[in-house]
Protein backbone atom coordinates (compact mmCIF):
# COMPACT_ATOMS: atom_id res chain seq x y z
CA MET A 1 -12.49 -24.77 14.65
CA GLY A 2 -11.06 -28.19 13.95
CA GLU A 3 -10.28 -29.97 10.72
CA ALA A 4 -12.97 -29.51 8.07
CA PRO A 5 -14.98 -32.56 6.98
CA ARG A 6 -15.20 -33.49 3.33
CA PRO A 7 -17.72 -31.30 1.49
CA GLN A 8 -19.94 -34.27 0.68
CA ASP A 9 -19.96 -35.38 4.32
CA LEU A 10 -20.87 -31.87 5.45
CA LEU A 11 -23.71 -31.73 2.93
CA ALA A 12 -25.04 -35.10 4.09
CA ARG A 13 -25.14 -33.72 7.61
CA ILE A 14 -26.69 -30.32 7.01
CA LEU A 15 -29.25 -30.98 4.27
CA PRO A 16 -31.67 -32.88 6.54
CA ALA A 17 -31.50 -29.94 8.97
CA VAL A 18 -32.22 -27.52 6.11
CA ALA A 19 -35.13 -29.68 4.91
CA ALA A 20 -36.58 -29.66 8.42
CA ARG A 21 -36.72 -25.85 8.38
CA HIS A 22 -37.65 -25.15 4.74
CA ARG A 23 -40.14 -26.71 2.37
CA GLU A 24 -37.77 -26.04 -0.55
CA ALA A 25 -34.04 -25.41 -0.83
CA TRP A 26 -31.60 -25.39 -3.74
CA LEU A 27 -27.89 -25.94 -4.19
CA VAL A 28 -26.76 -23.19 -6.55
CA GLY A 29 -23.85 -21.38 -8.13
CA GLY A 30 -20.26 -22.58 -7.95
CA TRP A 31 -21.07 -25.85 -6.24
CA VAL A 32 -23.33 -26.94 -9.11
CA ARG A 33 -20.79 -25.72 -11.65
CA ASP A 34 -17.97 -27.66 -10.02
CA ARG A 35 -20.10 -30.80 -9.74
CA LEU A 36 -20.72 -30.66 -13.47
CA LEU A 37 -16.99 -30.18 -14.03
CA GLY A 38 -16.26 -33.18 -11.81
CA VAL A 39 -14.21 -31.30 -9.22
CA ASP A 40 -14.64 -30.93 -5.46
CA SER A 41 -15.78 -27.56 -4.20
CA HIS A 42 -15.17 -26.07 -0.76
CA ASP A 43 -17.72 -23.34 -1.49
CA ILE A 44 -21.31 -24.51 -0.98
CA ASP A 45 -24.15 -22.12 -1.82
CA LEU A 46 -27.72 -22.74 -0.70
CA VAL A 47 -30.85 -20.75 -1.48
CA VAL A 48 -33.95 -20.97 0.70
CA PRO A 49 -37.24 -19.06 0.27
CA THR A 50 -36.62 -16.93 3.37
CA GLY A 51 -35.00 -17.05 6.82
CA ALA A 52 -31.49 -17.83 5.53
CA VAL A 53 -29.71 -15.99 8.35
CA ALA A 54 -31.58 -17.90 11.07
CA THR A 55 -30.89 -21.20 9.33
CA ALA A 56 -27.18 -20.35 9.01
CA ARG A 57 -27.01 -19.72 12.78
CA HIS A 58 -28.66 -23.09 13.38
CA LEU A 59 -26.24 -24.89 11.03
CA ALA A 60 -23.21 -23.20 12.62
CA ASP A 61 -24.30 -24.58 15.99
CA LEU A 62 -25.01 -27.99 14.48
CA VAL A 63 -21.61 -28.49 12.85
CA GLY A 64 -19.46 -26.38 15.18
CA GLY A 65 -18.71 -23.79 12.53
CA ALA A 66 -18.24 -20.03 12.70
CA PHE A 67 -21.27 -17.91 11.84
CA VAL A 68 -20.64 -14.81 9.69
CA LEU A 69 -23.44 -12.37 8.94
CA LEU A 70 -22.93 -11.13 5.39
CA ASP A 71 -25.96 -8.92 4.79
CA GLU A 72 -28.96 -8.96 7.08
CA THR A 73 -31.01 -6.83 4.69
CA ARG A 74 -30.43 -9.29 1.85
CA ASP A 75 -30.86 -12.27 4.20
CA THR A 76 -27.39 -13.75 3.54
CA ALA A 77 -24.97 -15.40 5.96
CA ARG A 78 -22.01 -17.75 5.95
CA VAL A 79 -20.88 -20.73 8.00
CA VAL A 80 -17.14 -21.45 8.02
CA VAL A 81 -16.15 -25.00 8.91
CA GLY A 82 -12.48 -25.83 9.45
CA ALA A 83 -9.26 -23.88 9.77
CA PRO A 84 -8.11 -21.14 7.34
CA GLY A 85 -6.55 -22.64 4.25
CA ASP A 86 -8.67 -25.79 4.46
CA ALA A 87 -12.07 -24.42 5.38
CA ILE A 88 -15.44 -25.11 3.79
CA TYR A 89 -17.59 -22.02 3.22
CA LEU A 90 -21.33 -22.61 3.40
CA ASP A 91 -23.28 -19.59 2.17
CA LEU A 92 -27.02 -19.32 2.68
CA ALA A 93 -29.21 -16.72 0.99
CA GLY A 94 -32.88 -15.90 0.86
CA MET A 95 -34.38 -16.16 -2.58
CA ARG A 96 -34.15 -13.08 -4.81
CA GLY A 97 -37.24 -12.96 -6.95
CA PRO A 98 -40.51 -14.86 -7.11
CA GLY A 99 -38.92 -18.25 -7.88
CA ILE A 100 -35.63 -20.07 -8.30
CA GLU A 101 -35.32 -19.20 -12.01
CA ALA A 102 -35.74 -15.49 -11.26
CA ASP A 103 -33.10 -15.85 -8.54
CA LEU A 104 -30.68 -17.47 -10.98
CA MET A 105 -31.25 -14.80 -13.63
CA ALA A 106 -30.15 -12.17 -11.11
CA ARG A 107 -26.71 -13.82 -10.74
CA ASP A 108 -23.38 -12.91 -12.32
CA PHE A 109 -22.27 -15.49 -14.90
CA THR A 110 -24.23 -18.21 -16.62
CA VAL A 111 -21.94 -20.96 -15.30
CA ASN A 112 -22.87 -19.77 -11.79
CA ALA A 113 -26.58 -19.46 -12.57
CA MET A 114 -27.55 -23.12 -12.30
CA ALA A 115 -29.30 -24.93 -9.46
CA LEU A 116 -30.52 -28.31 -8.33
CA ALA A 117 -33.05 -29.10 -5.64
CA ALA A 118 -31.28 -29.92 -2.39
CA ALA A 119 -33.51 -32.96 -2.03
CA ALA A 120 -31.99 -34.33 -5.26
CA TYR A 121 -28.40 -33.97 -4.03
CA CYS A 122 -27.76 -37.73 -3.88
CA GLU A 123 -29.28 -38.52 -7.26
CA PRO A 124 -26.65 -39.56 -9.83
CA GLU A 125 -28.28 -37.46 -12.58
CA PRO A 126 -30.32 -34.73 -10.87
CA THR A 127 -32.33 -32.23 -12.89
CA ILE A 128 -30.30 -29.06 -13.39
CA ILE A 129 -32.24 -25.79 -13.50
CA ASP A 130 -30.40 -23.73 -16.13
CA PRO A 131 -32.38 -20.74 -17.44
CA SER A 132 -29.40 -18.86 -18.97
CA GLY A 133 -27.52 -21.60 -20.82
CA GLY A 134 -24.80 -22.22 -18.25
CA ARG A 135 -24.21 -25.85 -19.25
CA ARG A 136 -23.61 -24.79 -22.85
CA ASP A 137 -21.08 -22.17 -21.73
CA LEU A 138 -19.46 -24.66 -19.40
CA ALA A 139 -18.89 -27.03 -22.32
CA ALA A 140 -17.46 -24.18 -24.40
CA ARG A 141 -15.23 -23.07 -21.49
CA ARG A 142 -16.71 -19.62 -21.83
CA LEU A 143 -17.48 -17.03 -19.18
CA ARG A 144 -20.62 -15.07 -20.11
CA ALA A 145 -22.63 -12.62 -18.01
CA VAL A 146 -26.24 -13.50 -17.36
CA SER A 147 -27.42 -10.03 -18.40
CA PRO A 148 -26.11 -6.58 -19.44
CA GLY A 149 -26.99 -5.26 -15.98
CA ALA A 150 -25.02 -7.91 -14.08
CA PHE A 151 -22.12 -5.56 -13.35
CA ARG A 152 -24.28 -2.59 -12.51
CA ASP A 153 -26.11 -4.74 -9.97
CA ASP A 154 -22.77 -5.54 -8.28
CA PRO A 155 -19.64 -3.93 -9.77
CA LEU A 156 -17.39 -6.36 -7.86
CA ARG A 157 -18.46 -8.91 -10.45
CA THR A 158 -16.03 -7.28 -12.87
CA LEU A 159 -13.13 -8.46 -10.71
CA ARG A 160 -14.82 -11.75 -10.01
CA GLY A 161 -15.04 -12.40 -13.74
CA VAL A 162 -11.28 -12.06 -14.16
CA ARG A 163 -10.63 -14.18 -11.08
CA LEU A 164 -13.11 -16.86 -12.13
CA GLY A 165 -11.64 -16.97 -15.64
CA ALA A 166 -8.20 -17.60 -14.14
CA ALA A 167 -9.50 -20.26 -11.74
CA LEU A 168 -11.39 -22.16 -14.42
CA GLY A 169 -9.15 -21.44 -17.38
CA PHE A 170 -12.15 -19.99 -19.26
CA ASP A 171 -12.19 -17.22 -21.85
CA LEU A 172 -14.31 -14.12 -21.43
CA ASP A 173 -17.17 -13.74 -23.86
CA ASP A 174 -16.52 -10.65 -26.03
CA GLU A 175 -19.86 -9.02 -25.20
CA THR A 176 -19.31 -9.67 -21.51
CA ALA A 177 -15.86 -8.09 -21.70
CA ALA A 178 -17.41 -5.00 -23.31
CA TRP A 179 -19.98 -4.76 -20.49
CA MET A 180 -17.21 -5.08 -17.90
CA ARG A 181 -15.17 -2.35 -19.56
CA GLN A 182 -18.23 -0.11 -19.74
CA ASP A 183 -18.97 -0.50 -16.02
CA ALA A 184 -15.36 -0.56 -14.73
CA ALA A 185 -15.62 2.85 -13.06
CA LEU A 186 -18.46 1.59 -10.86
CA LEU A 187 -15.92 -0.50 -8.96
CA SER A 188 -15.13 2.62 -6.92
CA THR A 189 -18.48 2.18 -5.16
CA VAL A 190 -17.55 -1.26 -3.79
CA SER A 191 -16.13 -1.69 -0.28
CA ARG A 192 -12.36 -1.90 -0.12
CA GLU A 193 -12.49 -5.18 1.77
CA ARG A 194 -14.41 -6.88 -1.05
CA VAL A 195 -12.01 -5.51 -3.65
CA ARG A 196 -9.06 -6.72 -1.57
CA ASP A 197 -10.44 -10.22 -1.28
CA GLU A 198 -10.96 -10.59 -5.04
CA LEU A 199 -7.53 -9.17 -5.84
CA MET A 200 -5.69 -11.38 -3.35
CA GLN A 201 -7.57 -14.48 -4.48
CA MET A 202 -6.62 -13.60 -8.04
CA LEU A 203 -2.93 -13.34 -7.12
CA ALA A 204 -3.11 -16.71 -5.36
CA LEU A 205 -4.21 -18.42 -8.58
CA PRO A 206 -2.04 -19.59 -11.49
CA ARG A 207 -1.43 -17.09 -14.32
CA ALA A 208 -1.47 -14.04 -12.04
CA GLU A 209 0.41 -12.02 -14.66
CA ARG A 210 -2.27 -12.78 -17.23
CA SER A 211 -5.00 -11.80 -14.77
CA LEU A 212 -3.36 -8.44 -14.07
CA ARG A 213 -2.96 -7.81 -17.79
CA ARG A 214 -6.64 -8.65 -18.26
CA LEU A 215 -7.54 -6.18 -15.52
CA ASP A 216 -5.54 -3.58 -17.39
CA GLY A 217 -7.23 -4.37 -20.69
CA LEU A 218 -10.67 -4.05 -19.11
CA GLY A 219 -9.93 -0.71 -17.48
CA LEU A 220 -10.04 -2.30 -14.02
CA LEU A 221 -6.39 -1.94 -13.03
CA GLU A 222 -6.78 1.83 -12.79
CA GLN A 223 -9.65 1.28 -10.37
CA VAL A 224 -7.87 -1.24 -8.13
CA LEU A 225 -4.19 -0.25 -8.35
CA PRO A 226 -3.99 3.17 -10.03
CA GLU A 227 -0.37 3.55 -8.90
CA LEU A 228 0.54 0.45 -10.90
CA ALA A 229 -1.45 1.56 -13.92
CA ALA A 230 0.50 4.86 -13.87
CA LEU A 231 3.65 2.93 -14.85
CA ARG A 232 2.21 2.70 -18.35
CA GLN A 233 3.63 6.19 -18.89
CA VAL A 234 7.13 5.30 -17.61
CA GLU A 235 9.74 3.92 -19.99
CA ALA A 236 11.50 0.72 -18.96
CA ARG A 237 15.21 1.34 -19.44
CA TYR A 238 16.37 -2.25 -19.93
CA GLY A 239 15.14 -5.38 -21.62
CA GLY A 240 13.17 -3.73 -24.42
CA GLU A 241 9.78 -3.53 -22.67
CA VAL A 242 7.35 -0.88 -23.79
CA SER A 243 6.79 0.43 -20.27
CA ALA A 244 7.58 -0.05 -16.61
CA LEU A 245 4.06 -1.45 -16.27
CA ASP A 246 4.86 -4.20 -18.77
CA ARG A 247 8.04 -5.06 -16.88
CA SER A 248 6.29 -5.02 -13.51
CA LEU A 249 3.65 -7.45 -14.77
CA ARG A 250 6.33 -9.65 -16.32
CA THR A 251 8.10 -9.68 -12.96
CA VAL A 252 4.92 -11.06 -11.40
CA GLY A 253 4.95 -13.85 -13.97
CA ILE A 254 8.62 -14.62 -13.29
CA ALA A 255 8.02 -14.60 -9.51
CA GLN A 256 5.19 -17.08 -9.95
CA GLU A 257 7.42 -19.27 -12.12
CA MET A 258 10.04 -19.18 -9.36
CA LEU A 259 7.39 -20.27 -6.84
CA ASP A 260 6.51 -23.14 -9.19
CA TRP A 261 10.19 -24.07 -9.41
CA LEU A 262 10.54 -24.05 -5.64
CA ALA A 263 7.48 -26.29 -5.30
CA GLY A 264 8.88 -28.71 -7.89
CA THR A 265 6.07 -28.15 -10.40
CA ALA A 266 6.45 -27.30 -14.07
CA SER A 267 8.17 -23.95 -14.54
CA ALA A 268 8.86 -21.81 -17.58
CA LEU A 269 12.08 -20.33 -16.16
CA PRO A 270 14.89 -20.05 -18.73
CA GLY A 271 17.30 -22.98 -18.61
CA VAL A 272 20.33 -21.00 -17.44
CA ALA A 273 18.26 -19.33 -14.72
CA ALA A 274 16.85 -22.60 -13.42
CA ALA A 275 20.24 -24.33 -13.56
CA THR A 276 21.88 -21.62 -11.44
CA LEU A 277 19.03 -21.66 -8.95
CA GLN A 278 19.29 -25.45 -8.77
CA ALA A 279 23.02 -25.26 -8.05
CA LEU A 280 22.89 -22.55 -5.39
CA VAL A 281 19.39 -22.33 -3.90
CA ASP A 282 18.32 -25.98 -3.94
CA PRO A 283 19.31 -26.60 -0.26
CA TYR A 284 16.69 -24.05 0.82
CA ARG A 285 13.79 -25.10 -1.41
CA ALA A 286 11.82 -27.06 1.17
CA ARG A 287 12.18 -24.35 3.81
CA LEU A 288 11.24 -21.64 1.33
CA VAL A 289 8.11 -23.54 0.33
CA GLN A 290 7.15 -23.96 3.99
CA TYR A 291 7.88 -20.29 4.72
CA LEU A 292 5.91 -18.97 1.75
CA GLY A 293 2.95 -21.20 2.56
CA GLU A 294 2.55 -19.74 6.04
CA LEU A 295 -0.55 -17.61 6.59
CA LEU A 296 -0.36 -14.03 7.77
CA PRO A 297 -2.99 -12.20 9.85
CA GLY A 298 -5.95 -11.97 7.51
CA GLY A 299 -5.59 -15.56 6.29
CA ARG A 300 -3.51 -14.80 3.19
CA SER A 301 -0.23 -16.58 2.48
CA LYS A 302 3.22 -15.03 2.37
CA ALA A 303 3.47 -16.21 -1.25
CA THR A 304 0.37 -14.22 -2.22
CA LEU A 305 1.68 -11.11 -0.48
CA LEU A 306 5.00 -11.59 -2.29
CA LEU A 307 3.18 -11.43 -5.63
CA LEU A 308 1.40 -8.24 -4.57
CA ALA A 309 4.75 -6.73 -3.55
CA THR A 310 6.19 -7.85 -6.88
CA SER A 311 3.45 -6.07 -8.80
CA LEU A 312 4.15 -2.87 -6.84
CA HIS A 313 7.93 -2.93 -6.63
CA GLU A 314 8.44 -0.10 -9.14
CA VAL A 315 5.43 2.10 -8.38
CA GLY A 316 7.76 4.78 -7.06
CA LYS A 317 8.94 5.38 -10.61
CA GLY A 318 5.44 6.36 -11.61
CA ALA A 319 5.70 9.27 -9.17
CA THR A 320 9.37 10.26 -9.36
CA GLU A 321 9.40 10.37 -13.15
CA GLN A 322 6.25 12.44 -13.27
CA GLY A 323 7.78 15.28 -11.27
CA HIS A 324 6.99 14.55 -7.63
CA ALA A 325 10.00 15.91 -5.79
CA GLY A 326 10.97 15.14 -2.22
CA ALA A 327 12.19 17.42 0.54
CA GLY A 328 14.59 20.13 -0.57
CA GLY A 329 13.57 19.72 -4.20
CA ARG A 330 15.39 16.38 -4.61
CA PHE A 331 13.70 13.40 -6.20
CA LEU A 332 13.35 10.56 -3.75
CA ASP A 333 14.94 7.25 -4.58
CA HIS A 334 12.17 5.22 -6.21
CA GLU A 335 12.49 2.35 -3.70
CA VAL A 336 11.94 4.74 -0.80
CA LEU A 337 8.97 6.44 -2.41
CA GLY A 338 7.66 3.11 -3.70
CA ALA A 339 7.77 1.63 -0.20
CA SER A 340 5.70 4.52 1.13
CA MET A 341 3.23 4.14 -1.73
CA ALA A 342 3.02 0.38 -1.17
CA ALA A 343 2.16 0.97 2.49
CA THR A 344 -0.55 3.41 1.44
CA ILE A 345 -1.94 0.83 -0.97
CA GLY A 346 -1.88 -1.83 1.75
CA ARG A 347 -3.89 0.40 4.06
CA ARG A 348 -6.31 1.29 1.27
CA LEU A 349 -6.89 -2.41 0.62
CA CYS A 350 -7.46 -2.94 4.36
CA LEU A 351 -4.60 -5.40 4.68
CA SER A 352 -3.54 -6.25 8.20
CA SER A 353 -0.78 -4.14 9.77
CA ALA A 354 1.58 -7.13 9.50
CA GLU A 355 0.84 -7.51 5.78
CA THR A 356 1.24 -3.79 5.15
CA ALA A 357 4.60 -3.74 6.94
CA ARG A 358 5.88 -6.69 4.91
CA LEU A 359 4.66 -5.11 1.70
CA ARG A 360 6.52 -1.89 2.47
CA LEU A 361 9.74 -3.64 3.47
CA ALA A 362 9.82 -5.97 0.46
CA VAL A 363 9.42 -3.04 -1.94
CA ARG A 364 11.93 -0.89 -0.05
CA ASN A 365 14.68 -3.53 -0.06
CA HIS A 366 14.20 -5.40 -3.32
CA SER A 367 17.35 -3.89 -4.90
CA ARG A 368 19.63 -4.71 -1.97
CA PRO A 369 20.59 -8.33 -2.82
CA TRP A 370 21.80 -7.32 -6.29
CA GLU A 371 23.67 -4.36 -4.80
CA LEU A 372 25.44 -6.78 -2.44
CA ALA A 373 26.35 -8.99 -5.40
CA ARG A 374 27.84 -6.06 -7.30
CA GLU A 375 29.93 -4.75 -4.42
CA ALA A 376 32.49 -7.58 -4.36
CA GLU A 377 33.42 -10.81 -6.10
CA ALA A 378 33.23 -12.70 -2.80
CA ALA A 379 30.11 -13.52 -0.81
CA PRO A 380 28.53 -10.63 1.12
CA SER A 381 30.21 -9.92 4.45
CA ARG A 382 28.52 -10.83 7.69
CA ARG A 383 28.11 -7.15 8.46
CA ALA A 384 26.45 -6.48 5.09
CA MET A 385 24.09 -9.41 5.56
CA TYR A 386 23.21 -8.26 9.06
CA ARG A 387 22.42 -4.79 7.79
CA PHE A 388 20.22 -6.20 5.04
CA PHE A 389 18.10 -8.22 7.47
CA ARG A 390 18.11 -5.40 10.02
CA ASP A 391 16.43 -3.20 7.42
CA ALA A 392 14.31 -5.81 5.60
CA GLU A 393 12.95 -8.10 8.30
CA PRO A 394 10.40 -9.58 8.60
CA ALA A 395 10.26 -9.45 4.77
CA GLY A 396 13.89 -10.35 4.06
CA VAL A 397 13.06 -13.56 2.23
CA GLU A 398 10.42 -11.79 0.14
CA ALA A 399 12.91 -9.06 -0.80
CA ILE A 400 15.46 -11.69 -1.89
CA LEU A 401 13.01 -13.52 -4.13
CA LEU A 402 11.62 -10.27 -5.53
CA SER A 403 15.14 -9.15 -6.36
CA LEU A 404 15.80 -12.33 -8.34
CA ALA A 405 12.50 -12.09 -10.22
CA HIS A 406 13.20 -8.44 -11.05
CA HIS A 407 16.61 -9.39 -12.47
CA LEU A 408 15.15 -12.04 -14.78
CA ALA A 409 12.29 -9.81 -15.91
CA THR A 410 14.62 -6.89 -16.57
CA TYR A 411 17.14 -8.68 -18.78
CA GLY A 412 15.01 -11.44 -20.29
CA SER A 413 16.78 -13.05 -23.24
CA ASN A 414 19.76 -10.71 -22.68
CA LEU A 415 20.52 -12.32 -19.30
CA ASP A 416 24.24 -12.29 -18.52
CA PRO A 417 24.98 -15.74 -16.97
CA GLU A 418 27.85 -14.48 -14.81
CA ARG A 419 25.93 -11.50 -13.41
CA TRP A 420 23.00 -13.80 -12.73
CA ARG A 421 25.28 -16.34 -11.00
CA ARG A 422 26.67 -13.63 -8.73
CA HIS A 423 23.18 -12.40 -7.87
CA VAL A 424 21.98 -15.91 -7.04
CA ALA A 425 25.15 -16.61 -5.02
CA ALA A 426 24.59 -13.49 -2.91
CA SER A 427 20.95 -14.48 -2.46
CA ALA A 428 21.96 -18.00 -1.41
CA ALA A 429 24.33 -16.53 1.18
CA LEU A 430 21.49 -14.41 2.54
CA LEU A 431 19.22 -17.45 2.68
CA GLU A 432 21.91 -19.40 4.53
CA ALA A 433 22.16 -16.58 7.06
CA CYS A 434 18.39 -16.50 7.42
CA PHE A 435 17.77 -20.23 7.79
CA ASP A 436 21.04 -21.72 9.11
CA ARG A 437 22.91 -18.88 10.85
CA ARG A 438 20.11 -16.72 12.20
CA GLU A 439 21.38 -16.49 15.79
CA GLU A 440 24.89 -15.88 14.51
CA ILE A 441 24.24 -13.19 11.86
CA VAL A 442 20.60 -12.12 11.63
CA ASP A 443 19.43 -12.08 15.24
CA PRO A 444 22.38 -12.50 17.64
CA ARG A 445 21.56 -12.93 21.30
CA PRO A 446 22.27 -9.74 23.32
CA LEU A 447 25.51 -9.75 25.29
CA ILE A 448 24.36 -6.78 27.38
CA ASP A 449 21.11 -4.85 27.73
CA GLY A 450 20.40 -1.14 28.04
CA HIS A 451 20.23 -1.25 31.83
CA GLY A 452 23.67 -2.88 31.96
CA LEU A 453 25.15 -0.20 29.69
CA ILE A 454 23.64 2.61 31.76
CA GLU A 455 24.95 1.19 35.05
CA THR A 456 28.42 0.19 33.85
CA LEU A 457 29.20 3.29 31.78
CA ASP A 458 27.26 5.76 33.94
CA LEU A 459 24.99 6.84 31.08
CA VAL A 460 21.84 8.92 31.04
CA PRO A 461 18.84 6.96 29.70
CA GLY A 462 17.83 8.07 26.22
CA PRO A 463 18.06 7.32 22.48
CA GLY A 464 21.85 7.21 22.65
CA VAL A 465 21.67 3.93 24.57
CA GLY A 466 19.78 2.40 21.68
CA VAL A 467 22.49 3.57 19.27
CA LEU A 468 25.11 1.83 21.42
CA LEU A 469 23.10 -1.40 21.55
CA ASP A 470 22.68 -1.34 17.76
CA GLY A 471 26.42 -0.85 17.32
CA ILE A 472 27.20 -3.75 19.64
CA ARG A 473 24.69 -5.97 17.88
CA GLU A 474 26.21 -5.18 14.48
CA ALA A 475 29.74 -5.87 15.70
CA GLN A 476 28.51 -9.12 17.22
CA ALA A 477 26.87 -10.16 13.93
CA ALA A 478 30.09 -9.29 12.09
CA GLY A 479 31.97 -11.72 14.33
CA GLU A 480 34.00 -8.97 16.07
CA VAL A 481 32.43 -9.25 19.52
CA HIS A 482 31.92 -12.43 21.55
CA SER A 483 31.71 -11.41 25.21
CA ARG A 484 30.22 -8.80 27.52
CA GLU A 485 33.62 -7.21 28.01
CA GLU A 486 34.14 -6.86 24.25
CA ALA A 487 30.66 -5.40 23.93
CA LEU A 488 31.54 -2.75 26.51
CA THR A 489 34.72 -1.95 24.60
CA VAL A 490 32.68 -1.34 21.46
CA ALA A 491 30.28 0.86 23.45
CA ARG A 492 33.14 2.97 24.83
CA HIS A 493 34.57 3.38 21.34
CA LEU A 494 31.19 4.50 20.02
CA LEU A 495 30.79 6.94 22.90
CA GLU A 496 34.07 8.59 22.01
CA ARG A 497 33.47 8.57 18.25
CA GLU A 498 29.84 9.70 18.27
CA GLY A 499 29.94 11.93 21.33
CA LEU A 500 26.85 10.28 22.82
CA ARG A 501 27.44 11.12 26.46
């Protein structure tokens, strides 16, 4: 798919084709809401009396879009026009109920339960069909459910309400919030893919911390991320927070403020924190913004996955402090257990394997940058930086940023400027290695391969060869090895020391 046209241009192209196939059609939902708010929408919803799936196939062919069957039984389908990140989503649905007003009254929120006849699209002041008072709630910036049964009809609407409130900056109606809380447990009946999509869209929006706290207040966090909700019972040892859950959610807020700072938008970071970041991390801002904006398999950005990792970075404490012992009766380090739990959560949410791996690695290694800063007054050694990226890649950058956000969230107003400066300096050194010295420190080019080692040193193929190659690579990254002959010397030394023959 190529570049997406403007939404209004796409509408001008498809509506005649819709009119040729259907006597009546209506623009509904978010598109009408956004038109009344005066903002462009990349989500276009159309209702036709029947035959929506067939019409969607026709429109996909007409505009060169991708056809997605959503629910054949409910006669709903989607056409995606444009590349991920800039696509227009055209959803078509057969009418639910005997007429358009009945269809609208079966929807989720009043601000989404408005329609206008597709034929009136170009009119400057078209008649808006609004049976539930959506325009009134739009003016009041209020999110109100159409009916008490809205969430029983589709429990995913509980998550959608929180996400929509964050996107629009609207407050939840008190009665609606009570209905959501009452039906929260029904979310377990919804497919994991749909839950994932709502959660990840929520994290991609401003005020992600507030959204997660709202999920918690509505009883939804326990349904979506029960491992995170379990941190409510774990005491936070620093910074005065009530619980590890409170600190984890605050870390999400700090991480989002750091992303705002990187992008050059308004940020609420404390002055001393921002000043130190400015002094030491500023050279990498543009590359960090580009890196975090890249999409992973599944179409979600690295920045969004970072915020999910941030929310989960202490989930291991919810298990270790509740008595879950590891092998031999020892309690596992919470980063190790947390990484395993994060991977389980990623699989449960049906994230891609690449996303799940990054999630696990970011959680596992989020304490490492601060540990490097505490080990010595000077910058981390090349060997230490190599080992960090060896263990953390491809989520090294995410682990660095998560570490910084965790530091700020942990100490809050008690932030020690010198400890913070050392942490940021170590992080800046890691970023320099990642962006400017990758082939030197992070990913040095091999001086010899396994076949060469086997032939030259008369070795038997096996895992020991891999150990030798890893040792050579580390010595090379540390600046101790520069040639094939020196690499062989390191291999011989390792053979004698480790007894690998």
